[in-house]
Amino acid sequence: MGLLVFKSKKDGRQAVRFSRNGFRLWNNGRLNLAKIGDVRVRWSRPLPSAPSSVTVIKDPSGRYFASFVVEVEPGGRR
């Protein structure tokens, strides 16, 4: 397992981005991140399509959030 390198610009949040090759979603709802392994995720909503990248954000209080980039059809639900 490797260490994450978080980057921050001007605020207390730190983030690391994984492209399509750096992560995988398992059928059981877990997120597998390169150099880290499986991560348990508490989903707020289902993804409308396959994600192209994920950004893991650490806020100043030490909480982690995953933000996915997905492509949706124009005029769809936002």
C-alpha atoms as a PDB file:
ATOM      1  CA  MET A   1       0.000   0.000   0.000  1.00  0.00           C
ATOM      2  CA  GLY A   2       1.289   3.441  -0.935  1.00  0.00           C
ATOM      3  CA  LEU A   3       0.649   6.803   0.607  1.00  0.00           C
ATOM      4  CA  LEU A   4      -1.773   9.289  -0.892  1.00  0.00           C
ATOM      5  CA  VAL A   5      -0.415  12.657  -1.933  1.00  0.00           C
ATOM      6  CA  PHE A   6      -3.094  15.245  -1.272  1.00  0.00           C
ATOM      7  CA  LYS A   7      -2.941  18.652  -2.928  1.00  0.00           C
ATOM      8  CA  SER A   8      -4.498  21.819  -1.546  1.00  0.00           C
ATOM      9  CA  LYS A   9      -4.996  25.307  -2.935  1.00  0.00           C
ATOM     10  CA  LYS A  10      -5.715  28.124  -0.458  1.00  0.00           C
ATOM     11  CA  ASP A  11      -8.061  26.282   1.912  1.00  0.00           C
ATOM     12  CA  GLY A  12      -8.066  23.446   4.408  1.00  0.00           C
ATOM     13  CA  ARG A  13      -9.448  20.869   1.999  1.00  0.00           C
ATOM     14  CA  GLN A  14      -7.075  18.405   0.400  1.00  0.00           C
ATOM     15  CA  ALA A  15      -7.857  16.297  -2.644  1.00  0.00           C
ATOM     16  CA  VAL A  16      -6.462  13.511  -4.788  1.00  0.00           C
ATOM     17  CA  ARG A  17      -7.881  12.544  -8.200  1.00  0.00           C
ATOM     18  CA  PHE A  18      -7.972   9.060  -9.700  1.00  0.00           C
ATOM     19  CA  SER A  19      -8.516   8.644 -13.440  1.00  0.00           C
ATOM     20  CA  ARG A  20     -10.321   5.676 -14.982  1.00  0.00           C
ATOM     21  CA  ASN A  21      -7.237   3.443 -14.562  1.00  0.00           C
ATOM     22  CA  GLY A  22      -6.827   4.295 -10.870  1.00  0.00           C
ATOM     23  CA  PHE A  23     -10.118   3.081  -9.406  1.00  0.00           C
ATOM     24  CA  ARG A  24     -12.754   0.397  -9.750  1.00  0.00           C
ATOM     25  CA  LEU A  25     -16.315   0.050  -8.439  1.00  0.00           C
ATOM     26  CA  TRP A  26     -17.229  -3.402  -7.160  1.00  0.00           C
ATOM     27  CA  ASN A  27     -20.760  -4.849  -7.309  1.00  0.00           C
ATOM     28  CA  ASN A  28     -20.933  -4.886  -3.501  1.00  0.00           C
ATOM     29  CA  GLY A  29     -20.720  -1.056  -3.408  1.00  0.00           C
ATOM     30  CA  ARG A  30     -17.067  -0.829  -2.427  1.00  0.00           C
ATOM     31  CA  LEU A  31     -14.607   1.457  -4.160  1.00  0.00           C
ATOM     32  CA  ASN A  32     -11.148   0.109  -4.981  1.00  0.00           C
ATOM     33  CA  LEU A  33      -8.475   2.809  -5.211  1.00  0.00           C
ATOM     34  CA  ALA A  34      -5.005   2.241  -6.661  1.00  0.00           C
ATOM     35  CA  LYS A  35      -2.277   1.877  -4.014  1.00  0.00           C
ATOM     36  CA  ILE A  36      -4.918   1.897  -1.252  1.00  0.00           C
ATOM     37  CA  GLY A  37      -7.262  -1.020  -1.818  1.00  0.00           C
ATOM     38  CA  ASP A  38     -10.966  -1.438  -1.089  1.00  0.00           C
ATOM     39  CA  VAL A  39     -12.739   1.451   0.613  1.00  0.00           C
ATOM     40  CA  ARG A  40     -16.172   1.221   2.210  1.00  0.00           C
ATOM     41  CA  VAL A  41     -18.497   3.883   0.780  1.00  0.00           C
ATOM     42  CA  ARG A  42     -21.742   5.305   2.129  1.00  0.00           C
ATOM     43  CA  TRP A  43     -23.604   6.190  -1.066  1.00  0.00           C
ATOM     44  CA  SER A  44     -25.868   9.257  -1.123  1.00  0.00           C
ATOM     45  CA  ARG A  45     -27.427   8.248  -4.472  1.00  0.00           C
ATOM     46  CA  PRO A  46     -26.871   5.772  -7.296  1.00  0.00           C
ATOM     47  CA  LEU A  47     -24.595   6.806 -10.150  1.00  0.00           C
ATOM     48  CA  PRO A  48     -26.485   7.481 -13.423  1.00  0.00           C
ATOM     49  CA  SER A  49     -23.646   6.031 -15.540  1.00  0.00           C
ATOM     50  CA  ALA A  50     -20.113   4.695 -15.283  1.00  0.00           C
ATOM     51  CA  PRO A  51     -17.734   7.287 -13.764  1.00  0.00           C
ATOM     52  CA  SER A  52     -14.708   8.550 -15.701  1.00  0.00           C
ATOM     53  CA  SER A  53     -12.816   9.769 -12.623  1.00  0.00           C
ATOM     54  CA  VAL A  54     -13.130  10.095  -8.870  1.00  0.00           C
ATOM     55  CA  THR A  55     -11.771  12.767  -6.534  1.00  0.00           C
ATOM     56  CA  VAL A  56     -11.244  11.895  -2.875  1.00  0.00           C
ATOM     57  CA  ILE A  57     -11.475  14.996  -0.676  1.00  0.00           C
ATOM     58  CA  LYS A  58     -10.348  15.294   2.942  1.00  0.00           C
ATOM     59  CA  ASP A  59     -11.921  18.231   4.777  1.00  0.00           C
ATOM     60  CA  PRO A  60     -10.310  20.072   7.723  1.00  0.00           C
ATOM     61  CA  SER A  61     -12.167  17.909  10.276  1.00  0.00           C
ATOM     62  CA  GLY A  62     -10.670  14.722   8.801  1.00  0.00           C
ATOM     63  CA  ARG A  63     -13.747  13.435   6.940  1.00  0.00           C
ATOM     64  CA  TYR A  64     -13.334  11.919   3.472  1.00  0.00           C
ATOM     65  CA  PHE A  65     -15.674  12.383   0.514  1.00  0.00           C
ATOM     66  CA  ALA A  66     -15.639  10.809  -2.955  1.00  0.00           C
ATOM     67  CA  SER A  67     -16.817  12.872  -5.908  1.00  0.00           C
ATOM     68  CA  PHE A  68     -17.429  11.055  -9.206  1.00  0.00           C
ATOM     69  CA  VAL A  69     -17.409  12.518 -12.714  1.00  0.00           C
ATOM     70  CA  VAL A  70     -20.124  10.920 -14.874  1.00  0.00           C
ATOM     71  CA  GLU A  71     -21.518  11.702 -18.296  1.00  0.00           C
ATOM     72  CA  VAL A  72     -25.269  12.188 -18.567  1.00  0.00           C
ATOM     73  CA  GLU A  73     -27.608  13.022 -21.426  1.00  0.00           C
ATOM     74  CA  PRO A  74     -28.554  16.710 -21.837  1.00  0.00           C
ATOM     75  CA  GLY A  75     -31.907  17.554 -20.289  1.00  0.00           C
ATOM     76  CA  GLY A  76     -31.647  14.702 -17.810  1.00  0.00           C
ATOM     77  CA  ARG A  77     -31.867  14.900 -14.027  1.00  0.00           C
ATOM     78  CA  ARG A  78     -29.143  17.060 -12.491  1.00  0.00           C
END
